[in-house]
C-alpha atoms as a PDB file:
ATOM      1  CA  MET A   1     144.845  10.365  44.786  1.00  0.00           C
ATOM      2  CA  ALA A   2     144.485   6.648  44.315  1.00  0.00           C
ATOM      3  CA  LEU A   3     141.833   4.616  46.049  1.00  0.00           C
ATOM      4  CA  ARG A   4     143.346   1.854  48.084  1.00  0.00           C
ATOM      5  CA  PHE A   5     141.004  -1.154  48.203  1.00  0.00           C
ATOM      6  CA  SER A   6     141.864  -4.475  49.749  1.00  0.00           C
ATOM      7  CA  PHE A   7     139.946  -7.534  50.914  1.00  0.00           C
ATOM      8  CA  PHE A   8     142.455  -8.089  53.669  1.00  0.00           C
ATOM      9  CA  LYS A   9     143.449  -5.745  56.440  1.00  0.00           C
ATOM     10  CA  THR A  10     146.950  -4.417  55.899  1.00  0.00           C
ATOM     11  CA  PRO A  11     149.099  -3.986  59.008  1.00  0.00           C
ATOM     12  CA  GLN A  12     150.086  -0.523  60.137  1.00  0.00           C
ATOM     13  CA  HIS A  13     153.695   0.595  60.301  1.00  0.00           C
ATOM     14  CA  LYS A  14     155.375  -0.310  63.573  1.00  0.00           C
ATOM     15  CA  ARG A  15     156.877   2.640  65.348  1.00  0.00           C
ATOM     16  CA  PHE A  16     159.928   2.393  67.540  1.00  0.00           C
ATOM     17  CA  GLU A  17     159.658   4.476  70.662  1.00  0.00           C
ATOM     18  CA  TYR A  18     162.651   4.416  72.938  1.00  0.00           C
ATOM     19  CA  THR A  19     162.705   6.349  76.184  1.00  0.00           C
ATOM     20  CA  PRO A  20     166.141   6.158  77.764  1.00  0.00           C
ATOM     21  CA  ARG A  21     166.299   5.514  81.478  1.00  0.00           C
ATOM     22  CA  VAL A  22     168.891   7.425  83.408  1.00  0.00           C
ATOM     23  CA  TRP A  23     170.042   6.463  86.868  1.00  0.00           C
ATOM     24  CA  ASP A  24     171.009   9.322  89.060  1.00  0.00           C
ATOM     25  CA  PRO A  25     172.635   8.079  92.283  1.00  0.00           C
ATOM     26  CA  ALA A  26     172.613  11.551  93.853  1.00  0.00           C
ATOM     27  CA  LYS A  27     168.851  11.905  93.360  1.00  0.00           C
ATOM     28  CA  GLU A  28     168.248   8.450  94.773  1.00  0.00           C
ATOM     29  CA  GLU A  29     170.352   9.252  97.814  1.00  0.00           C
ATOM     30  CA  ARG A  30     168.455  12.526  98.288  1.00  0.00           C
ATOM     31  CA  ASP A  31     165.064  10.733  98.103  1.00  0.00           C
ATOM     32  CA  GLU A  32     166.220   8.179 100.696  1.00  0.00           C
ATOM     33  CA  ARG A  33     167.234  10.976 103.094  1.00  0.00           C
ATOM     34  CA  VAL A  34     163.900  12.781 102.532  1.00  0.00           C
ATOM     35  CA  LYS A  35     161.954   9.591 103.336  1.00  0.00           C
ATOM     36  CA  GLN A  36     164.102   8.971 106.445  1.00  0.00           C
ATOM     37  CA  ILE A  37     163.500  12.529 107.691  1.00  0.00           C
ATOM     38  CA  GLN A  38     159.730  12.253 107.010  1.00  0.00           C
ATOM     39  CA  LYS A  39     159.606   9.015 109.065  1.00  0.00           C
ATOM     40  CA  GLU A  40     161.504  10.643 111.963  1.00  0.00           C
ATOM     41  CA  LEU A  41     159.263  13.733 111.947  1.00  0.00           C
ATOM     42  CA  GLY A  42     156.068  11.680 111.588  1.00  0.00           C
ATOM     43  CA  ILE A  43     155.056  13.222 108.276  1.00  0.00           C
ATOM     44  CA  ILE A  44     153.009  10.664 106.335  1.00  0.00           C
ATOM     45  CA  ASP A  45     152.952  10.685 102.547  1.00  0.00           C
ATOM     46  CA  ASN A  46     149.329  10.768 101.313  1.00  0.00           C
ATOM     47  CA  THR A  47     150.026   8.681  98.202  1.00  0.00           C
ATOM     48  CA  SER A  48     151.419   5.625  99.972  1.00  0.00           C
ATOM     49  CA  ASP A  49     149.407   5.857 103.264  1.00  0.00           C
ATOM     50  CA  GLY A  50     152.352   4.238 104.994  1.00  0.00           C
ATOM     51  CA  LYS A  51     151.322   0.730 103.786  1.00  0.00           C
ATOM     52  CA  PRO A  52     153.529  -1.473 101.641  1.00  0.00           C
ATOM     53  CA  TYR A  53     152.455  -2.119  98.070  1.00  0.00           C
ATOM     54  CA  VAL A  54     150.803  -5.526  97.562  1.00  0.00           C
ATOM     55  CA  PRO A  55     150.008  -6.379  93.949  1.00  0.00           C
ATOM     56  CA  ASN A  56     146.612  -7.893  93.215  1.00  0.00           C
ATOM     57  CA  ILE A  57     147.820 -10.644  90.884  1.00  0.00           C
ATOM     58  CA  LYS A  58     145.641 -13.478  92.129  1.00  0.00           C
ATOM     59  CA  GLY A  59     143.197 -14.401  89.357  1.00  0.00           C
ATOM     60  CA  SER A  60     144.399 -11.728  86.896  1.00  0.00           C
ATOM     61  CA  PHE A  61     145.842 -14.225  84.446  1.00  0.00           C
ATOM     62  CA  ARG A  62     142.633 -16.225  84.410  1.00  0.00           C
ATOM     63  CA  LYS A  63     140.538 -13.082  83.850  1.00  0.00           C
ATOM     64  CA  GLU A  64     142.739 -11.988  80.962  1.00  0.00           C
ATOM     65  CA  TYR A  65     142.600 -15.482  79.434  1.00  0.00           C
ATOM     66  CA  GLU A  66     138.786 -15.538  79.632  1.00  0.00           C
ATOM     67  CA  GLN A  67     138.509 -12.051  78.112  1.00  0.00           C
ATOM     68  CA  ASN A  68     140.848 -12.982  75.250  1.00  0.00           C
ATOM     69  CA  LYS A  69     138.954 -16.220  74.667  1.00  0.00           C
ATOM     70  CA  LYS A  70     135.644 -14.337  74.436  1.00  0.00           C
ATOM     71  CA  SER A  71     137.012 -11.683  72.097  1.00  0.00           C
ATOM     72  CA  LYS A  72     138.447 -14.272  69.684  1.00  0.00           C
ATOM     73  CA  THR A  73     135.069 -16.004  69.223  1.00  0.00           C
ATOM     74  CA  LYS A  74     133.341 -12.797  68.159  1.00  0.00           C
ATOM     75  CA  ILE A  75     133.561 -12.198  64.425  1.00  0.00           C
ATOM     76  CA  GLY A  76     132.856  -8.719  63.133  1.00  0.00           C
ATOM     77  CA  TYR A  77     130.454  -7.842  60.354  1.00  0.00           C
ATOM     78  CA  SER A  78     133.243  -7.004  57.885  1.00  0.00           C
ATOM     79  CA  GLU A  79     134.996 -10.338  58.492  1.00  0.00           C
ATOM     80  CA  LYS A  80     131.746 -12.191  57.835  1.00  0.00           C
ATOM     81  CA  ILE A  81     131.144 -10.300  54.584  1.00  0.00           C
ATOM     82  CA  ARG A  82     134.739 -10.908  53.481  1.00  0.00           C
ATOM     83  CA  SER A  83     134.473 -14.636  54.186  1.00  0.00           C
ATOM     84  CA  TYR A  84     131.174 -14.872  52.277  1.00  0.00           C
ATOM     85  CA  ILE A  85     132.710 -13.096  49.279  1.00  0.00           C
ATOM     86  CA  ILE A  86     135.723 -15.445  49.276  1.00  0.00           C
ATOM     87  CA  ILE A  87     133.559 -18.585  49.598  1.00  0.00           C
ATOM     88  CA  GLY A  88     131.194 -17.362  46.866  1.00  0.00           C
ATOM     89  CA  THR A  89     134.095 -16.588  44.547  1.00  0.00           C
ATOM     90  CA  ILE A  90     135.608 -20.049  45.082  1.00  0.00           C
ATOM     91  CA  LEU A  91     132.247 -21.705  44.399  1.00  0.00           C
ATOM     92  CA  LEU A  92     131.679 -19.626  41.268  1.00  0.00           C
ATOM     93  CA  LEU A  93     135.160 -20.470  39.951  1.00  0.00           C
ATOM     94  CA  GLY A  94     134.502 -24.156  40.677  1.00  0.00           C
ATOM     95  CA  ILE A  95     131.233 -24.104  38.728  1.00  0.00           C
ATOM     96  CA  ILE A  96     132.856 -22.276  35.789  1.00  0.00           C
ATOM     97  CA  PHE A  97     135.735 -24.772  35.793  1.00  0.00           C
ATOM     98  CA  PHE A  98     133.271 -27.693  35.821  1.00  0.00           C
ATOM     99  CA  TYR A  99     131.375 -26.370  32.796  1.00  0.00           C
ATOM    100  CA  ILE A 100     134.566 -25.557  30.901  1.00  0.00           C
ATOM    101  CA  ILE A 101     135.749 -29.152  31.429  1.00  0.00           C
ATOM    102  CA  LYS A 102     132.341 -30.409  30.255  1.00  0.00           C
ATOM    103  CA  ILE A 103     132.352 -28.262  27.094  1.00  0.00           C
ATOM    104  CA  TYR A 104     136.094 -28.588  26.362  1.00  0.00           C
ATOM    105  CA  PRO A 105     135.813 -31.385  23.764  1.00  0.00           C
ATOM    106  CA  TYR A 106     133.287 -29.374  21.739  1.00  0.00           C
ATOM    107  CA  LEU A 107     135.358 -26.201  21.792  1.00  0.00           C
ATOM    108  CA  PHE A 108     138.536 -27.593  20.319  1.00  0.00           C
ATOM    109  CA  SER A 109     137.331 -30.464  18.130  1.00  0.00           C
ATOM    110  CA  SER A 110     139.046 -30.752  14.740  1.00  0.00           C
ATOM    111  CA  GLU A 111     136.026 -32.176  12.919  1.00  0.00           C
ATOM    112  CA  LYS A 112     133.459 -29.900  11.448  1.00  0.00           C
ATOM    113  CA  GLN A 113     130.113 -30.456  12.982  1.00  0.00           C
ATOM    114  CA  ASN A 114     127.228 -30.696  10.557  1.00  0.00           C
ATOM    115  CA  ASN A 115     123.942 -29.794  12.061  1.00  0.00           C
ATOM    116  CA  ASN A 116     122.074 -30.781   8.895  1.00  0.00           C
ATOM    117  CA  LYS A 117     122.998 -34.459   8.612  1.00  0.00           C
ATOM    118  CA  TYR A 118     119.683 -35.348   7.001  1.00  0.00           C
ATOM    119  CA  ILE A 119     120.209 -32.905   4.171  1.00  0.00           C
ATOM    120  CA  ASP A 120     123.765 -34.083   3.528  1.00  0.00           C
ATOM    121  CA  ASN A 121     122.819 -37.775   3.337  1.00  0.00           C
ATOM    122  CA  THR A 122     119.881 -37.396   0.998  1.00  0.00           C
ATOM    123  CA  GLU A 123     120.426 -37.552  -2.684  1.00  0.00           C
ATOM    124  CA  ILE A 124     119.053 -34.832  -4.776  1.00  0.00           C
ATOM    125  CA  TYR A 125     116.686 -36.162  -7.477  1.00  0.00           C
ATOM    126  CA  GLU A 126     116.297 -34.033 -10.523  1.00  0.00           C
END
């Protein structure tokens, strides 16, 4: 068992679900006759109440837009932590790069550095 760790959210596998639609003309014809007979006999279907379907679309697009707009502005706790880690890492790498550039001439200089210049320049009297 390996631990899977990632700073970024990996997408899930997309599943393909296909439900075939079959048109049965005989069943449709039968349903039409049943509705016609129910109208003639005065039997009312309880699910439709005899009223035509009117969709309530007015204002739905605006409501959905407002809900999506509100949900996009909210940032979760994990996203905040992840962004802080990324920003901190970039800053740390920048500081390290700055100091490496500053120290670079001393690291790869070809001359030997003598810390005791006073001792080297003085003559020894015996």
